[in-house]
Every structure is written in structure tokens, then in C-alpha cells.
Amino acid sequence: MRFELLGPVRLWRDGHELDPGFPQQRALLALLLIHAGRPVPTAEILDVLWAQRPPASAPNVVRRYVAALRRLLEPGSPPRTPGPRLPRRTVGHLLEADPDEVDLLRFRERTREGKRAAATGRAGTAARQFVLALGEWRGPVAMGVPASVRDHAQFAAVQREL
């Protein structure tokens, strides 16, 4: 799989681009990608997706979005069964992804490598790593999700990493 959120939110499986769904579901995917490998508490998801004003139905909507993402990311898994990509957690939701699958994680790793190279006097290596890191960006973070979500502090913090 390949995931992108440094620009439009996009994903691919086996070289084919998949539709991550409606803007709000796309926003959930982007939020899970920001925290790839770590659970995101349900309360935090509600806060981000509904700008601190979630409707009473919001927890059920999030469960439906997670189920839709699970069907998209784990097409062979039985319904209502947690799989390796979106395992269930009591505290919230989690997306498992390898660092090389997510543009944000590649950006962060290349930036770290560039800083290490610069600190040890390897300017050429540092420059190459920084150029590769910048190449991961294709526009503002999480394009295609509602502006109210992109304005949240979590998305703004990622945007500031550039």
C-alpha cells in the first residue's frame, strides 16, 4: 500500500489508486496517517472531524467510516473483523503502516537523515536527503478534506514541518 497526505489524500494498493471516500472519511484516514502506528482516541477523532461540536451520532459515523476504510484497505477480511491495517483498540482507532508506505513518515525520516548528515559535516548527503524529503510534498496537507479539519492544530502542525 501507499498513502499520501502531503497534498491530496490518496492511497494505492498494487499500483491502483483507491477512492478514500467522502471528505469526512478522507479526513479520518488523514488523521490516522498522521498518527500511523499509534492509537487515536475516539474523543480526539470527534474533536478533529467536527471542530469540537460533534453531533450525537458522531461516534456511530466514525465507526461506519472505520468499517468503510477497513473494507477498502483489507478487502479480503470478513466483515466486522479487525485486520492487520485497522486493528481494534479500546481507546480509539489505529492504522498500521510501514514507514516507507506513508509520505509523511518518509518525509520525517529523510529530514532526520539530512539533519544527521549536516551535523556530521556531510553536506552533499544532507542536501540529497533534504531534496528527497521536499519531494514528498505535493501541496498543502490533506487537500480534499474539509477546511475545518485541515485548520485543526494537528494538521497545522504537520504543515509547519515543511
C-alpha atoms as a PDB file:
ATOM      1  CA  MET A   1       0.000   0.000   0.000  1.00  0.00           C
ATOM      2  CA  ARG A   2       0.996   3.594  -0.467  1.00  0.00           C
ATOM      3  CA  PHE A   3      -0.562   6.518   1.396  1.00  0.00           C
ATOM      4  CA  GLU A   4      -0.251  10.248   0.755  1.00  0.00           C
ATOM      5  CA  LEU A   5      -1.402  13.189   2.840  1.00  0.00           C
ATOM      6  CA  LEU A   6       1.262  15.799   2.000  1.00  0.00           C
ATOM      7  CA  GLY A   7      -1.025  17.275  -0.636  1.00  0.00           C
ATOM      8  CA  PRO A   8      -4.227  15.487  -1.665  1.00  0.00           C
ATOM      9  CA  VAL A   9      -5.174  12.486   0.489  1.00  0.00           C
ATOM     10  CA  ARG A  10      -4.621   9.478  -1.759  1.00  0.00           C
ATOM     11  CA  LEU A  11      -3.931   5.758  -1.463  1.00  0.00           C
ATOM     12  CA  TRP A  12      -2.871   2.910  -3.707  1.00  0.00           C
ATOM     13  CA  ARG A  13      -2.930  -0.859  -3.490  1.00  0.00           C
ATOM     14  CA  ASP A  14      -0.991  -2.942  -6.011  1.00  0.00           C
ATOM     15  CA  GLY A  15      -0.405   0.118  -8.195  1.00  0.00           C
ATOM     16  CA  HIS A  16      -4.115   1.022  -8.413  1.00  0.00           C
ATOM     17  CA  GLU A  17      -5.395   4.212  -6.851  1.00  0.00           C
ATOM     18  CA  LEU A  18      -8.327   3.695  -4.491  1.00  0.00           C
ATOM     19  CA  ASP A  19     -11.043   6.182  -3.620  1.00  0.00           C
ATOM     20  CA  PRO A  20     -10.724   7.036   0.102  1.00  0.00           C
ATOM     21  CA  GLY A  21     -14.380   8.088   0.229  1.00  0.00           C
ATOM     22  CA  PHE A  22     -16.256  11.213   1.172  1.00  0.00           C
ATOM     23  CA  PRO A  23     -14.300  14.213   2.508  1.00  0.00           C
ATOM     24  CA  GLN A  24     -15.029  13.392   6.163  1.00  0.00           C
ATOM     25  CA  GLN A  25     -13.889   9.774   5.721  1.00  0.00           C
ATOM     26  CA  ARG A  26     -10.803  11.058   3.892  1.00  0.00           C
ATOM     27  CA  ALA A  27     -10.190  13.308   6.898  1.00  0.00           C
ATOM     28  CA  LEU A  28     -10.312  10.309   9.234  1.00  0.00           C
ATOM     29  CA  LEU A  29      -7.801   8.468   7.043  1.00  0.00           C
ATOM     30  CA  ALA A  30      -5.515  11.525   7.055  1.00  0.00           C
ATOM     31  CA  LEU A  31      -5.744  11.822  10.848  1.00  0.00           C
ATOM     32  CA  LEU A  32      -4.928   8.129  11.266  1.00  0.00           C
ATOM     33  CA  LEU A  33      -1.972   8.570   8.892  1.00  0.00           C
ATOM     34  CA  ILE A  34      -0.618  11.474  10.955  1.00  0.00           C
ATOM     35  CA  HIS A  35      -0.594   9.048  13.904  1.00  0.00           C
ATOM     36  CA  ALA A  36       0.331   5.910  11.917  1.00  0.00           C
ATOM     37  CA  GLY A  37       1.175   3.077  14.284  1.00  0.00           C
ATOM     38  CA  ARG A  38      -0.349   4.817  17.321  1.00  0.00           C
ATOM     39  CA  PRO A  39      -3.960   4.721  18.500  1.00  0.00           C
ATOM     40  CA  VAL A  40      -6.004   7.894  18.136  1.00  0.00           C
ATOM     41  CA  PRO A  41      -8.576   8.247  20.934  1.00  0.00           C
ATOM     42  CA  THR A  42     -12.171   8.404  19.754  1.00  0.00           C
ATOM     43  CA  ALA A  43     -12.691  11.713  21.580  1.00  0.00           C
ATOM     44  CA  GLU A  44      -9.788  13.197  19.615  1.00  0.00           C
ATOM     45  CA  ILE A  45     -11.222  11.934  16.331  1.00  0.00           C
ATOM     46  CA  LEU A  46     -14.569  13.523  17.155  1.00  0.00           C
ATOM     47  CA  ASP A  47     -12.877  16.795  18.090  1.00  0.00           C
ATOM     48  CA  VAL A  48     -10.895  16.923  14.843  1.00  0.00           C
ATOM     49  CA  LEU A  49     -13.666  15.835  12.477  1.00  0.00           C
ATOM     50  CA  TRP A  50     -16.377  18.048  13.945  1.00  0.00           C
ATOM     51  CA  ALA A  51     -14.356  21.037  15.203  1.00  0.00           C
ATOM     52  CA  GLN A  52     -15.281  20.422  18.853  1.00  0.00           C
ATOM     53  CA  ARG A  53     -19.030  20.277  18.021  1.00  0.00           C
ATOM     54  CA  PRO A  54     -19.764  16.626  17.229  1.00  0.00           C
ATOM     55  CA  PRO A  55     -23.390  15.653  16.714  1.00  0.00           C
ATOM     56  CA  ALA A  56     -24.859  12.924  18.908  1.00  0.00           C
ATOM     57  CA  SER A  57     -24.486  10.467  16.004  1.00  0.00           C
ATOM     58  CA  ALA A  58     -20.743  11.174  15.576  1.00  0.00           C
ATOM     59  CA  PRO A  59     -19.413   8.015  17.326  1.00  0.00           C
ATOM     60  CA  ASN A  60     -21.579   5.843  15.063  1.00  0.00           C
ATOM     61  CA  VAL A  61     -20.480   7.809  11.994  1.00  0.00           C
ATOM     62  CA  VAL A  62     -16.828   7.239  12.941  1.00  0.00           C
ATOM     63  CA  ARG A  63     -17.489   3.500  13.301  1.00  0.00           C
ATOM     64  CA  ARG A  64     -19.053   3.475   9.813  1.00  0.00           C
ATOM     65  CA  TYR A  65     -16.058   5.378   8.382  1.00  0.00           C
ATOM     66  CA  VAL A  66     -13.642   2.918  10.008  1.00  0.00           C
ATOM     67  CA  ALA A  67     -15.650  -0.023   8.638  1.00  0.00           C
ATOM     68  CA  ALA A  68     -15.573   1.513   5.141  1.00  0.00           C
ATOM     69  CA  LEU A  69     -11.826   2.140   5.383  1.00  0.00           C
ATOM     70  CA  ARG A  70     -11.297  -1.421   6.626  1.00  0.00           C
ATOM     71  CA  ARG A  71     -13.190  -2.792   3.591  1.00  0.00           C
ATOM     72  CA  LEU A  72     -11.040  -0.596   1.349  1.00  0.00           C
ATOM     73  CA  LEU A  73      -7.693  -1.416   2.976  1.00  0.00           C
ATOM     74  CA  GLU A  74      -8.404  -5.056   3.858  1.00  0.00           C
ATOM     75  CA  PRO A  75     -10.714  -6.312   1.089  1.00  0.00           C
ATOM     76  CA  GLY A  76     -10.279  -9.995   1.964  1.00  0.00           C
ATOM     77  CA  SER A  77     -11.128  -9.644   5.649  1.00  0.00           C
ATOM     78  CA  PRO A  78     -14.512 -10.859   6.886  1.00  0.00           C
ATOM     79  CA  PRO A  79     -16.972  -8.076   7.824  1.00  0.00           C
ATOM     80  CA  ARG A  80     -16.701  -6.697  11.376  1.00  0.00           C
ATOM     81  CA  THR A  81     -13.387  -8.466  11.866  1.00  0.00           C
ATOM     82  CA  PRO A  82     -10.330  -6.433  12.813  1.00  0.00           C
ATOM     83  CA  GLY A  83      -7.463  -6.908  10.424  1.00  0.00           C
ATOM     84  CA  PRO A  84      -3.789  -6.009  10.340  1.00  0.00           C
ATOM     85  CA  ARG A  85      -4.282  -2.481   8.917  1.00  0.00           C
ATOM     86  CA  LEU A  86      -7.041  -1.214  11.207  1.00  0.00           C
ATOM     87  CA  PRO A  87      -6.923  -3.336  14.345  1.00  0.00           C
ATOM     88  CA  ARG A  88      -9.444  -2.528  17.039  1.00  0.00           C
ATOM     89  CA  ARG A  89      -8.273  -0.726  20.152  1.00  0.00           C
ATOM     90  CA  THR A  90     -10.355   0.048  23.220  1.00  0.00           C
ATOM     91  CA  VAL A  91      -9.021   3.620  23.371  1.00  0.00           C
ATOM     92  CA  GLY A  92      -9.719   4.520  19.750  1.00  0.00           C
ATOM     93  CA  HIS A  93      -8.570   3.643  16.263  1.00  0.00           C
ATOM     94  CA  LEU A  94      -5.201   2.773  14.808  1.00  0.00           C
ATOM     95  CA  LEU A  95      -3.793   2.497  11.297  1.00  0.00           C
ATOM     96  CA  GLU A  96      -0.796   0.209  10.876  1.00  0.00           C
ATOM     97  CA  ALA A  97       1.529   1.234   8.054  1.00  0.00           C
ATOM     98  CA  ASP A  98       5.189   0.692   7.298  1.00  0.00           C
ATOM     99  CA  PRO A  99       7.248   3.895   7.325  1.00  0.00           C
ATOM    100  CA  ASP A 100       8.003   3.569   3.609  1.00  0.00           C
ATOM    101  CA  GLU A 101       4.255   3.411   2.809  1.00  0.00           C
ATOM    102  CA  VAL A 102       3.373   6.897   4.112  1.00  0.00           C
ATOM    103  CA  ASP A 103       4.720  10.090   2.543  1.00  0.00           C
ATOM    104  CA  LEU A 104       4.729  11.914   5.907  1.00  0.00           C
ATOM    105  CA  LEU A 105       6.821   9.181   7.522  1.00  0.00           C
ATOM    106  CA  ARG A 106       9.248   9.166   4.573  1.00  0.00           C
ATOM    107  CA  PHE A 107       9.492  12.966   4.799  1.00  0.00           C
ATOM    108  CA  ARG A 108      10.280  12.819   8.514  1.00  0.00           C
ATOM    109  CA  GLU A 109      12.888  10.070   8.107  1.00  0.00           C
ATOM    110  CA  ARG A 110      14.649  11.838   5.228  1.00  0.00           C
ATOM    111  CA  THR A 111      14.631  15.087   7.186  1.00  0.00           C
ATOM    112  CA  ARG A 112      16.190  13.300  10.199  1.00  0.00           C
ATOM    113  CA  GLU A 113      18.826  11.725   7.932  1.00  0.00           C
ATOM    114  CA  GLY A 114      19.553  15.120   6.391  1.00  0.00           C
ATOM    115  CA  LYS A 115      19.989  16.716   9.813  1.00  0.00           C
ATOM    116  CA  ARG A 116      22.303  13.903  10.939  1.00  0.00           C
ATOM    117  CA  ALA A 117      24.374  14.250   7.780  1.00  0.00           C
ATOM    118  CA  ALA A 118      24.588  18.026   8.188  1.00  0.00           C
ATOM    119  CA  ALA A 119      25.614  17.653  11.841  1.00  0.00           C
ATOM    120  CA  THR A 120      28.473  15.344  10.845  1.00  0.00           C
ATOM    121  CA  GLY A 121      29.735  17.576   8.045  1.00  0.00           C
ATOM    122  CA  ARG A 122      28.363  15.571   5.103  1.00  0.00           C
ATOM    123  CA  ALA A 123      26.815  18.475   3.236  1.00  0.00           C
ATOM    124  CA  GLY A 124      26.226  16.599  -0.034  1.00  0.00           C
ATOM    125  CA  THR A 125      24.379  13.772   1.693  1.00  0.00           C
ATOM    126  CA  ALA A 126      22.396  16.269   3.751  1.00  0.00           C
ATOM    127  CA  ALA A 127      21.352  18.187   0.635  1.00  0.00           C
ATOM    128  CA  ARG A 128      20.252  14.981  -1.141  1.00  0.00           C
ATOM    129  CA  GLN A 129      18.161  13.893   1.850  1.00  0.00           C
ATOM    130  CA  PHE A 130      16.520  17.313   2.157  1.00  0.00           C
ATOM    131  CA  VAL A 131      15.696  17.341  -1.568  1.00  0.00           C
ATOM    132  CA  LEU A 132      14.173  13.861  -1.276  1.00  0.00           C
ATOM    133  CA  ALA A 133      12.189  14.982   1.784  1.00  0.00           C
ATOM    134  CA  LEU A 134      10.844  18.046  -0.005  1.00  0.00           C
ATOM    135  CA  GLY A 135       9.895  15.850  -2.960  1.00  0.00           C
ATOM    136  CA  GLU A 136       7.290  14.139  -0.771  1.00  0.00           C
ATOM    137  CA  TRP A 137       5.227  17.366  -0.638  1.00  0.00           C
ATOM    138  CA  ARG A 138       2.645  17.909  -3.397  1.00  0.00           C
ATOM    139  CA  GLY A 139       0.693  20.756  -1.843  1.00  0.00           C
ATOM    140  CA  PRO A 140      -0.946  21.768   1.434  1.00  0.00           C
ATOM    141  CA  VAL A 141      -1.543  18.948   3.922  1.00  0.00           C
ATOM    142  CA  ALA A 142      -4.698  16.868   3.426  1.00  0.00           C
ATOM    143  CA  MET A 143      -6.159  18.612   0.424  1.00  0.00           C
ATOM    144  CA  GLY A 144      -9.616  17.251  -0.294  1.00  0.00           C
ATOM    145  CA  VAL A 145     -10.754  17.170   3.316  1.00  0.00           C
ATOM    146  CA  PRO A 146     -12.990  19.838   4.860  1.00  0.00           C
ATOM    147  CA  ALA A 147     -11.204  23.108   5.652  1.00  0.00           C
ATOM    148  CA  SER A 148     -12.438  22.942   9.252  1.00  0.00           C
ATOM    149  CA  VAL A 149     -10.455  19.701   9.650  1.00  0.00           C
ATOM    150  CA  ARG A 150      -7.332  20.988   7.886  1.00  0.00           C
ATOM    151  CA  ASP A 151      -7.398  24.027  10.195  1.00  0.00           C
ATOM    152  CA  HIS A 152      -7.156  21.789  13.274  1.00  0.00           C
ATOM    153  CA  ALA A 153      -3.893  22.076  15.220  1.00  0.00           C
ATOM    154  CA  GLN A 154      -2.811  18.528  14.292  1.00  0.00           C
ATOM    155  CA  PHE A 155      -2.909  19.240  10.565  1.00  0.00           C
ATOM    156  CA  ALA A 156      -1.432  22.706  11.037  1.00  0.00           C
ATOM    157  CA  ALA A 157       1.492  21.165  12.929  1.00  0.00           C
ATOM    158  CA  VAL A 158       2.240  18.837  10.003  1.00  0.00           C
ATOM    159  CA  GLN A 159       2.043  21.769   7.581  1.00  0.00           C
ATOM    160  CA  ARG A 160       4.602  23.648   9.715  1.00  0.00           C
ATOM    161  CA  GLU A 161       7.068  20.756   9.317  1.00  0.00           C
ATOM    162  CA  LEU A 162       7.712  21.934   5.783  1.00  0.00           C
END
